Amino acid sequence: MPSLKDMRVRIAATKATQKITKAMQMVAASKLRRAQAAAEAARPYAEHMGKVLGNIAGALGDLASAPRLLSGTGSDNVHLLLVCTAERGLCGPFNSAIVRLARERANALVAQGKEVKFFCVGRKGYEQLRRLYERQIIEHIELRSVRTLGFEHAESIAEKIIRLYDAGAFDVCSLFFSRFKSVMAQIPTAQRIIPPEFEPGKANDMGGASYEYEPEEDEILAELLPRNVAVQIYRALLENSASFYGAQMTAMDNATRNAGEMIRKQTLSYNRTRQAMITKELIEIISGAEAAV
């Protein structure tokens, strides 16, 4: 049975942990608003970029003359999974949910006889995936030193992806990230970015208007397709940032509540033990006094 001193030390340690989790919750809450605003601002641009590309691709007609980023390699034997996660933990199942989705996709592709490669953005996803797929990870990028995410970070990742594609390293690239819905809900999402996948019924949804393009469609696509890859990655990074702070805020709130419950139980146990010791000492004193008489 622990002594009263041990119990006091344990209560003090739990209170210190509670202060840390409360502080982390407040920091996450303060950063969440800005991250959420950035993610929500990026969504319309990324969605309309997809609609414009779908409209141009529909007007092109013959995909054989289209850039390889749109038409593909003509094969889907090698898949690159671009897995974006956070650099830090203490955010509940946020990182694990993204990795689980990527792992399920990888297992399904391997069962179909496909070759799978990984491109990891973020330390936590890399640490989880390398346990099973270390040989399949061809690139790992950490953004730990980045204070504010900018388009240039997504653009550098997109350039590496496109160079790998041009070198024939893969046929299909899918992007994995967590879409921010609310503080309580973040949705793991998979999106094919090379070649791009247009949603049915939305590819040609441009307000019912018909457009003529100058210069030609293939020249516009050659310019827009690499930019679209960067835009979609940038959106994923912003969605991940908002999702991370939302998940961390929820996780730290739960941790603070759990610490409070532990402090309550530990204090109750401490008081009961202390009272029992006092009662025992009183009984010994009274028994000694009666024996003396």
Protein backbone atom coordinates (compact mmCIF):
# COMPACT_ATOMS: atom_id res chain seq x y z
CA MET A 1 0.00 0.00 0.00
CA PRO A 2 1.50 3.38 -0.97
CA SER A 3 2.34 5.82 1.77
CA LEU A 4 0.66 9.20 2.21
CA LYS A 5 3.74 10.89 0.76
CA ASP A 6 3.59 8.71 -2.36
CA MET A 7 -0.09 9.53 -2.79
CA ARG A 8 0.59 13.27 -2.42
CA VAL A 9 3.34 13.05 -5.05
CA ARG A 10 0.99 11.19 -7.40
CA ILE A 11 -1.77 13.79 -6.97
CA ALA A 12 0.70 16.63 -7.60
CA ALA A 13 1.99 14.90 -10.75
CA THR A 14 -1.55 14.40 -12.06
CA LYS A 15 -2.35 18.08 -11.41
CA ALA A 16 0.79 19.11 -13.32
CA THR A 17 -0.27 16.89 -16.24
CA GLN A 18 -3.73 18.44 -16.16
CA LYS A 19 -2.23 21.92 -16.44
CA ILE A 20 -0.20 20.82 -19.48
CA THR A 21 -3.18 19.24 -21.26
CA LYS A 22 -5.31 22.30 -20.52
CA ALA A 23 -2.63 24.59 -21.93
CA MET A 24 -2.31 22.43 -25.06
CA GLN A 25 -6.08 22.51 -25.49
CA MET A 26 -6.11 26.32 -25.35
CA VAL A 27 -3.18 26.57 -27.81
CA ALA A 28 -4.93 24.22 -30.24
CA ALA A 29 -8.16 26.19 -29.92
CA SER A 30 -6.35 29.46 -30.68
CA LYS A 31 -4.67 27.99 -33.78
CA LEU A 32 -7.76 26.15 -34.99
CA ARG A 33 -9.67 29.24 -36.10
CA ARG A 34 -6.95 30.42 -38.46
CA ALA A 35 -6.30 26.92 -39.80
CA GLN A 36 -10.01 26.32 -40.36
CA ALA A 37 -10.39 29.63 -42.20
CA ALA A 38 -7.45 28.76 -44.47
CA ALA A 39 -8.84 25.29 -45.24
CA GLU A 40 -12.32 26.60 -46.01
CA ALA A 41 -10.89 29.33 -48.23
CA ALA A 42 -8.89 26.79 -50.26
CA ARG A 43 -11.82 24.46 -50.93
CA PRO A 44 -13.66 26.53 -53.59
CA TYR A 45 -10.45 27.18 -55.54
CA ALA A 46 -9.48 23.49 -55.55
CA GLU A 47 -13.01 22.38 -56.49
CA HIS A 48 -13.34 24.92 -59.31
CA MET A 49 -9.89 23.97 -60.58
CA GLY A 50 -11.19 20.42 -60.96
CA LYS A 51 -14.32 21.65 -62.76
CA VAL A 52 -12.29 23.76 -65.19
CA LEU A 53 -9.98 20.85 -65.97
CA GLY A 54 -12.95 18.55 -66.43
CA ASN A 55 -14.58 21.01 -68.81
CA ILE A 56 -11.40 21.42 -70.86
CA ALA A 57 -10.82 17.66 -70.91
CA GLY A 58 -14.40 17.16 -72.13
CA ALA A 59 -13.87 19.69 -74.91
CA LEU A 60 -10.60 18.04 -75.91
CA GLY A 61 -12.36 14.92 -77.15
CA ASP A 62 -9.33 12.78 -78.00
CA LEU A 63 -7.35 12.01 -74.84
CA ALA A 64 -4.56 10.45 -76.89
CA SER A 65 -3.22 13.93 -77.65
CA ALA A 66 -3.67 15.14 -74.07
CA PRO A 67 -0.69 15.55 -71.69
CA ARG A 68 0.30 12.40 -69.82
CA LEU A 69 -0.80 13.96 -66.52
CA LEU A 70 -4.38 13.77 -67.83
CA SER A 71 -4.39 10.74 -70.11
CA GLY A 72 -2.22 8.56 -67.88
CA THR A 73 0.43 6.06 -68.91
CA GLY A 74 -2.06 3.57 -70.30
CA SER A 75 -1.41 1.26 -67.34
CA ASP A 76 -2.26 1.11 -63.65
CA ASN A 77 0.24 -1.47 -62.44
CA VAL A 78 2.23 0.83 -60.15
CA HIS A 79 0.40 3.00 -57.60
CA LEU A 80 1.96 5.79 -55.57
CA LEU A 81 0.18 6.61 -52.31
CA LEU A 82 0.89 10.17 -51.17
CA VAL A 83 0.13 10.01 -47.44
CA CYS A 84 -0.08 13.36 -45.62
CA THR A 85 -0.13 13.31 -41.82
CA ALA A 86 0.94 15.55 -38.94
CA GLU A 87 4.41 16.05 -37.52
CA ARG A 88 3.25 15.62 -33.92
CA GLY A 89 0.97 13.35 -31.94
CA LEU A 90 -1.30 13.89 -28.92
CA CYS A 91 -4.23 14.30 -31.32
CA GLY A 92 -6.27 11.15 -30.79
CA PRO A 93 -6.77 8.87 -33.81
CA PHE A 94 -6.08 11.63 -36.37
CA ASN A 95 -2.82 10.22 -37.80
CA SER A 96 -3.83 6.58 -37.36
CA ALA A 97 -7.06 7.07 -39.32
CA ILE A 98 -5.21 8.42 -42.38
CA VAL A 99 -2.59 5.67 -42.22
CA ARG A 100 -5.30 3.03 -41.81
CA LEU A 101 -7.07 4.23 -44.95
CA ALA A 102 -3.80 4.19 -46.91
CA ARG A 103 -2.93 0.75 -45.56
CA GLU A 104 -6.33 -0.65 -46.56
CA ARG A 105 -5.91 0.77 -50.06
CA ALA A 106 -2.39 -0.68 -50.29
CA ASN A 107 -3.55 -4.13 -49.17
CA ALA A 108 -6.41 -4.05 -51.69
CA LEU A 109 -4.04 -3.10 -54.52
CA VAL A 110 -1.51 -5.78 -53.57
CA ALA A 111 -4.32 -8.35 -53.55
CA GLN A 112 -5.06 -7.30 -57.16
CA GLY A 113 -1.44 -7.89 -58.14
CA LYS A 114 -0.48 -4.19 -58.25
CA GLU A 115 2.79 -2.68 -57.07
CA VAL A 116 2.46 -0.07 -54.30
CA LYS A 117 4.85 2.73 -53.38
CA PHE A 118 4.56 5.36 -50.66
CA PHE A 119 5.43 9.06 -50.56
CA CYS A 120 5.12 10.27 -46.96
CA VAL A 121 4.55 13.87 -45.91
CA GLY A 122 4.70 14.19 -42.14
CA ARG A 123 6.69 12.34 -39.50
CA LYS A 124 3.85 10.43 -37.82
CA GLY A 125 2.61 8.77 -40.99
CA TYR A 126 6.15 7.80 -41.96
CA GLU A 127 6.82 6.24 -38.54
CA GLN A 128 3.68 4.11 -38.76
CA LEU A 129 4.06 3.05 -42.38
CA ARG A 130 7.73 2.10 -42.22
CA ARG A 131 6.93 -0.72 -39.80
CA LEU A 132 5.27 -2.66 -42.62
CA TYR A 133 6.28 -0.88 -45.84
CA GLU A 134 9.78 0.45 -45.26
CA ARG A 135 11.06 -0.82 -48.60
CA GLN A 136 8.11 0.67 -50.49
CA ILE A 137 8.62 4.19 -49.12
CA ILE A 138 10.46 6.11 -51.84
CA GLU A 139 10.33 9.60 -50.33
CA HIS A 140 9.74 11.22 -46.95
CA ILE A 141 9.25 14.95 -46.36
CA GLU A 142 8.96 16.60 -42.95
CA LEU A 143 7.43 20.05 -42.44
CA ARG A 144 8.30 20.27 -38.75
CA SER A 145 10.22 23.53 -39.16
CA VAL A 146 7.44 25.22 -41.16
CA ARG A 147 5.52 27.69 -39.02
CA THR A 148 2.99 28.74 -41.66
CA LEU A 149 2.05 26.51 -44.58
CA GLY A 150 2.42 28.22 -47.94
CA PHE A 151 1.70 27.24 -51.52
CA GLU A 152 5.42 26.94 -52.15
CA HIS A 153 5.59 23.92 -49.81
CA ALA A 154 2.89 22.11 -51.78
CA GLU A 155 4.49 23.18 -55.05
CA SER A 156 7.85 21.63 -54.10
CA ILE A 157 6.11 18.35 -53.22
CA ALA A 158 4.16 18.46 -56.50
CA GLU A 159 7.37 18.99 -58.49
CA LYS A 160 8.92 15.88 -56.91
CA ILE A 161 5.77 13.86 -57.65
CA ILE A 162 5.70 14.99 -61.28
CA ARG A 163 9.41 14.24 -61.75
CA LEU A 164 8.82 10.72 -60.47
CA TYR A 165 5.87 10.38 -62.84
CA ASP A 166 7.86 11.60 -65.82
CA ALA A 167 10.61 9.13 -64.92
CA GLY A 168 8.09 6.27 -65.03
CA ALA A 169 8.22 5.53 -61.29
CA PHE A 170 4.44 5.04 -61.07
CA ASP A 171 1.23 5.04 -63.13
CA VAL A 172 -1.38 6.32 -60.66
CA CYS A 173 -1.01 8.67 -57.69
CA SER A 174 -3.58 8.93 -54.89
CA LEU A 175 -3.56 11.56 -52.16
CA PHE A 176 -4.51 10.66 -48.58
CA PHE A 177 -5.42 13.31 -46.01
CA SER A 178 -8.06 14.18 -43.43
CA ARG A 179 -10.84 16.56 -44.44
CA PHE A 180 -11.93 18.93 -41.70
CA LYS A 181 -15.64 18.73 -40.89
CA SER A 182 -15.83 19.95 -37.30
CA VAL A 183 -13.84 19.95 -34.08
CA MET A 184 -15.32 16.54 -33.29
CA ALA A 185 -15.17 15.03 -36.78
CA GLN A 186 -12.32 14.74 -39.27
CA ILE A 187 -12.88 12.53 -42.32
CA PRO A 188 -9.98 10.47 -43.77
CA THR A 189 -10.10 11.05 -47.53
CA ALA A 190 -8.48 9.48 -50.59
CA GLN A 191 -8.29 11.45 -53.86
CA ARG A 192 -6.67 10.44 -57.15
CA ILE A 193 -4.61 13.31 -58.49
CA ILE A 194 -2.60 11.64 -61.31
CA PRO A 195 -4.35 11.17 -63.63
CA PRO A 196 -7.05 13.41 -62.14
CA GLU A 197 -10.41 11.87 -61.40
CA PHE A 198 -13.44 14.09 -62.12
CA GLU A 199 -16.70 13.57 -60.26
CA PRO A 200 -19.56 12.40 -62.52
CA GLY A 201 -21.93 15.20 -63.40
CA LYS A 202 -19.54 17.90 -62.21
CA ALA A 203 -16.81 17.76 -64.80
CA ASN A 204 -18.81 19.85 -67.23
CA ASP A 205 -20.70 21.85 -64.62
CA MET A 206 -19.71 25.35 -65.66
CA GLY A 207 -23.08 27.05 -65.42
CA GLY A 208 -24.39 25.56 -68.66
CA ALA A 209 -22.09 27.74 -70.76
CA SER A 210 -19.98 26.57 -73.69
CA TYR A 211 -16.46 27.98 -73.98
CA GLU A 212 -13.92 28.32 -76.73
CA TYR A 213 -10.33 28.24 -75.55
CA GLU A 214 -7.39 30.27 -76.72
CA PRO A 215 -4.71 28.92 -76.90
CA GLU A 216 -5.67 25.32 -77.67
CA GLU A 217 -6.96 23.00 -74.97
CA ASP A 218 -3.83 20.85 -74.87
CA GLU A 219 -1.64 23.92 -74.28
CA ILE A 220 -3.88 25.08 -71.43
CA LEU A 221 -3.86 21.60 -69.90
CA ALA A 222 -0.07 21.43 -70.10
CA GLU A 223 -0.01 24.54 -67.90
CA LEU A 224 -2.92 23.78 -65.58
CA LEU A 225 -2.34 20.08 -64.85
CA PRO A 226 0.94 20.50 -62.89
CA ARG A 227 -0.62 23.43 -61.05
CA ASN A 228 -3.67 21.33 -60.22
CA VAL A 229 -1.45 18.72 -58.55
CA ALA A 230 0.09 21.46 -56.38
CA VAL A 231 -3.33 22.97 -55.61
CA GLN A 232 -4.78 19.64 -54.49
CA ILE A 233 -1.75 18.92 -52.30
CA TYR A 234 -1.94 22.42 -50.82
CA ARG A 235 -5.60 21.91 -50.02
CA ALA A 236 -4.79 18.57 -48.38
CA LEU A 237 -2.09 20.18 -46.22
CA LEU A 238 -4.48 22.93 -45.09
CA GLU A 239 -7.26 20.43 -44.39
CA ASN A 240 -4.79 18.34 -42.39
CA SER A 241 -3.69 21.36 -40.39
CA ALA A 242 -7.25 22.27 -39.40
CA SER A 243 -8.10 18.62 -38.70
CA PHE A 244 -4.99 18.22 -36.54
CA TYR A 245 -5.81 21.18 -34.31
CA GLY A 246 -9.44 20.10 -34.05
CA ALA A 247 -8.43 16.55 -33.10
CA GLN A 248 -5.79 17.81 -30.67
CA MET A 249 -8.26 20.19 -29.04
CA THR A 250 -10.73 17.34 -28.52
CA ALA A 251 -8.04 14.92 -27.30
CA MET A 252 -6.59 17.41 -24.82
CA ASP A 253 -10.07 18.30 -23.55
CA ASN A 254 -10.72 14.61 -22.89
CA ALA A 255 -7.31 14.25 -21.25
CA THR A 256 -8.00 17.25 -18.99
CA ARG A 257 -11.34 15.78 -17.93
CA ASN A 258 -9.76 12.38 -17.29
CA ALA A 259 -7.01 13.99 -15.22
CA GLY A 260 -9.65 15.78 -13.15
CA GLU A 261 -11.43 12.49 -12.53
CA MET A 262 -8.14 10.83 -11.54
CA ILE A 263 -7.36 13.69 -9.14
CA ARG A 264 -10.80 13.30 -7.56
CA LYS A 265 -10.33 9.56 -7.04
CA GLN A 266 -6.76 9.94 -5.81
CA THR A 267 -7.77 12.68 -3.36
CA LEU A 268 -10.63 10.55 -2.05
CA SER A 269 -8.27 7.58 -1.58
CA TYR A 270 -5.72 9.84 0.11
CA ASN A 271 -8.30 11.26 2.54
CA ARG A 272 -9.61 7.78 3.38
CA THR A 273 -6.11 6.45 4.03
CA ARG A 274 -5.21 9.47 6.11
CA GLN A 275 -8.40 9.19 8.15
CA ALA A 276 -7.78 5.48 8.72
CA MET A 277 -4.26 6.21 9.98
CA ILE A 278 -5.53 8.94 12.32
CA THR A 279 -8.25 6.64 13.65
CA LYS A 280 -5.69 3.87 14.18
CA GLU A 281 -3.38 6.24 16.09
CA LEU A 282 -6.27 7.45 18.28
CA ILE A 283 -7.23 3.86 19.09
CA GLU A 284 -3.64 3.08 20.05
CA ILE A 285 -3.44 6.17 22.30
CA ILE A 286 -6.74 5.37 24.01
CA SER A 287 -5.83 1.71 24.43
CA GLY A 288 -2.47 2.70 25.95
CA ALA A 289 -4.14 5.17 28.34
CA GLU A 290 -6.67 2.56 29.50
CA ALA A 291 -3.92 -0.02 30.02
CA ALA A 292 -1.98 2.47 32.16
CA VAL A 293 -5.00 3.01 34.39
